[in-house]
């Protein structure tokens, strides 16, 4: 029984190492669309001027 457990742990470690370090992930359509959305410029509005002053200050 310990040999079976050790063999499964070793097989799991080999499989994990393969998927983490050796296999390069393929870009899917969802990933390509997300990257295309990220590279587009985003509109930014500075909303700091709408924040009320802290209580106790005179502005």
C-alpha atoms as a PDB file:
ATOM      1  CA  UNK A   1       0.000   0.000   0.000  1.00  0.00           C
ATOM      2  CA  UNK A   2       2.794   2.528   0.695  1.00  0.00           C
ATOM      3  CA  UNK A   3       4.223   1.800  -2.757  1.00  0.00           C
ATOM      4  CA  UNK A   4       0.886   2.544  -4.380  1.00  0.00           C
ATOM      5  CA  UNK A   5       0.576   5.826  -2.473  1.00  0.00           C
ATOM      6  CA  UNK A   6       4.158   6.777  -3.295  1.00  0.00           C
ATOM      7  CA  UNK A   7       3.627   5.943  -6.939  1.00  0.00           C
ATOM      8  CA  UNK A   8       0.504   8.105  -7.099  1.00  0.00           C
ATOM      9  CA  UNK A   9       2.302  11.001  -5.426  1.00  0.00           C
ATOM     10  CA  UNK A  10       5.179  10.668  -7.891  1.00  0.00           C
ATOM     11  CA  UNK A  11       2.798  10.481 -10.856  1.00  0.00           C
ATOM     12  CA  UNK A  12       0.961  13.552  -9.569  1.00  0.00           C
ATOM     13  CA  UNK A  13       4.240  15.464  -9.180  1.00  0.00           C
ATOM     14  CA  UNK A  14       5.346  14.550 -12.712  1.00  0.00           C
ATOM     15  CA  UNK A  15       1.980  15.564 -14.175  1.00  0.00           C
ATOM     16  CA  UNK A  16       1.966  18.860 -12.278  1.00  0.00           C
ATOM     17  CA  UNK A  17       5.518  19.632 -13.355  1.00  0.00           C
ATOM     18  CA  UNK A  18       4.641  18.939 -16.977  1.00  0.00           C
ATOM     19  CA  UNK A  19       1.629  21.236 -17.006  1.00  0.00           C
ATOM     20  CA  UNK A  20       3.299  24.016 -15.011  1.00  0.00           C
ATOM     21  CA  UNK A  21       6.726  24.157 -16.624  1.00  0.00           C
ATOM     22  CA  UNK A  22       6.892  22.294 -19.931  1.00  0.00           C
ATOM     23  CA  UNK A  23       3.581  22.763 -21.703  1.00  0.00           C
ATOM     24  CA  UNK A  24       2.993  26.235 -23.094  1.00  0.00           C
ATOM     25  CA  UNK A  25      -0.647  27.323 -22.864  1.00  0.00           C
ATOM     26  CA  UNK A  26      -2.468  27.872 -26.143  1.00  0.00           C
ATOM     27  CA  UNK A  27      -4.237  31.194 -26.606  1.00  0.00           C
ATOM     28  CA  UNK A  28      -7.989  30.700 -26.829  1.00  0.00           C
ATOM     29  CA  UNK A  29     -10.503  32.992 -28.498  1.00  0.00           C
ATOM     30  CA  UNK A  30     -11.585  34.318 -25.107  1.00  0.00           C
ATOM     31  CA  UNK A  31      -8.002  35.175 -24.172  1.00  0.00           C
ATOM     32  CA  UNK A  32      -7.397  36.897 -27.506  1.00  0.00           C
ATOM     33  CA  UNK A  33     -10.571  38.977 -27.093  1.00  0.00           C
ATOM     34  CA  UNK A  34      -9.619  39.936 -23.539  1.00  0.00           C
ATOM     35  CA  UNK A  35      -6.142  41.028 -24.628  1.00  0.00           C
ATOM     36  CA  UNK A  36      -7.645  43.092 -27.448  1.00  0.00           C
ATOM     37  CA  UNK A  37      -9.953  44.829 -24.972  1.00  0.00           C
ATOM     38  CA  UNK A  38      -7.099  45.556 -22.585  1.00  0.00           C
ATOM     39  CA  UNK A  39      -4.907  47.197 -25.224  1.00  0.00           C
ATOM     40  CA  UNK A  40      -7.630  49.706 -26.117  1.00  0.00           C
ATOM     41  CA  UNK A  41      -7.372  53.015 -24.234  1.00  0.00           C
ATOM     42  CA  UNK A  42      -9.800  53.487 -21.381  1.00  0.00           C
ATOM     43  CA  UNK A  43     -11.687  56.690 -20.641  1.00  0.00           C
ATOM     44  CA  UNK A  44     -10.760  58.164 -17.281  1.00  0.00           C
ATOM     45  CA  UNK A  45     -12.707  60.732 -15.301  1.00  0.00           C
ATOM     46  CA  UNK A  46     -11.077  62.266 -12.273  1.00  0.00           C
ATOM     47  CA  UNK A  47     -13.765  62.069  -9.616  1.00  0.00           C
ATOM     48  CA  UNK A  48     -11.580  63.409  -6.797  1.00  0.00           C
ATOM     49  CA  UNK A  49     -12.981  66.922  -7.260  1.00  0.00           C
ATOM     50  CA  UNK A  50     -16.465  65.642  -6.347  1.00  0.00           C
ATOM     51  CA  UNK A  51     -15.412  64.233  -2.964  1.00  0.00           C
ATOM     52  CA  UNK A  52     -16.625  66.454  -0.116  1.00  0.00           C
ATOM     53  CA  UNK A  53     -13.997  67.876   2.238  1.00  0.00           C
ATOM     54  CA  UNK A  54     -13.165  66.067   5.439  1.00  0.00           C
ATOM     55  CA  UNK A  55     -15.286  66.940   8.440  1.00  0.00           C
ATOM     56  CA  UNK A  56     -13.742  69.784  10.397  1.00  0.00           C
ATOM     57  CA  UNK A  57     -11.899  71.462   7.492  1.00  0.00           C
ATOM     58  CA  UNK A  58     -12.843  74.813   6.001  1.00  0.00           C
ATOM     59  CA  UNK A  59     -12.915  74.602   2.239  1.00  0.00           C
END
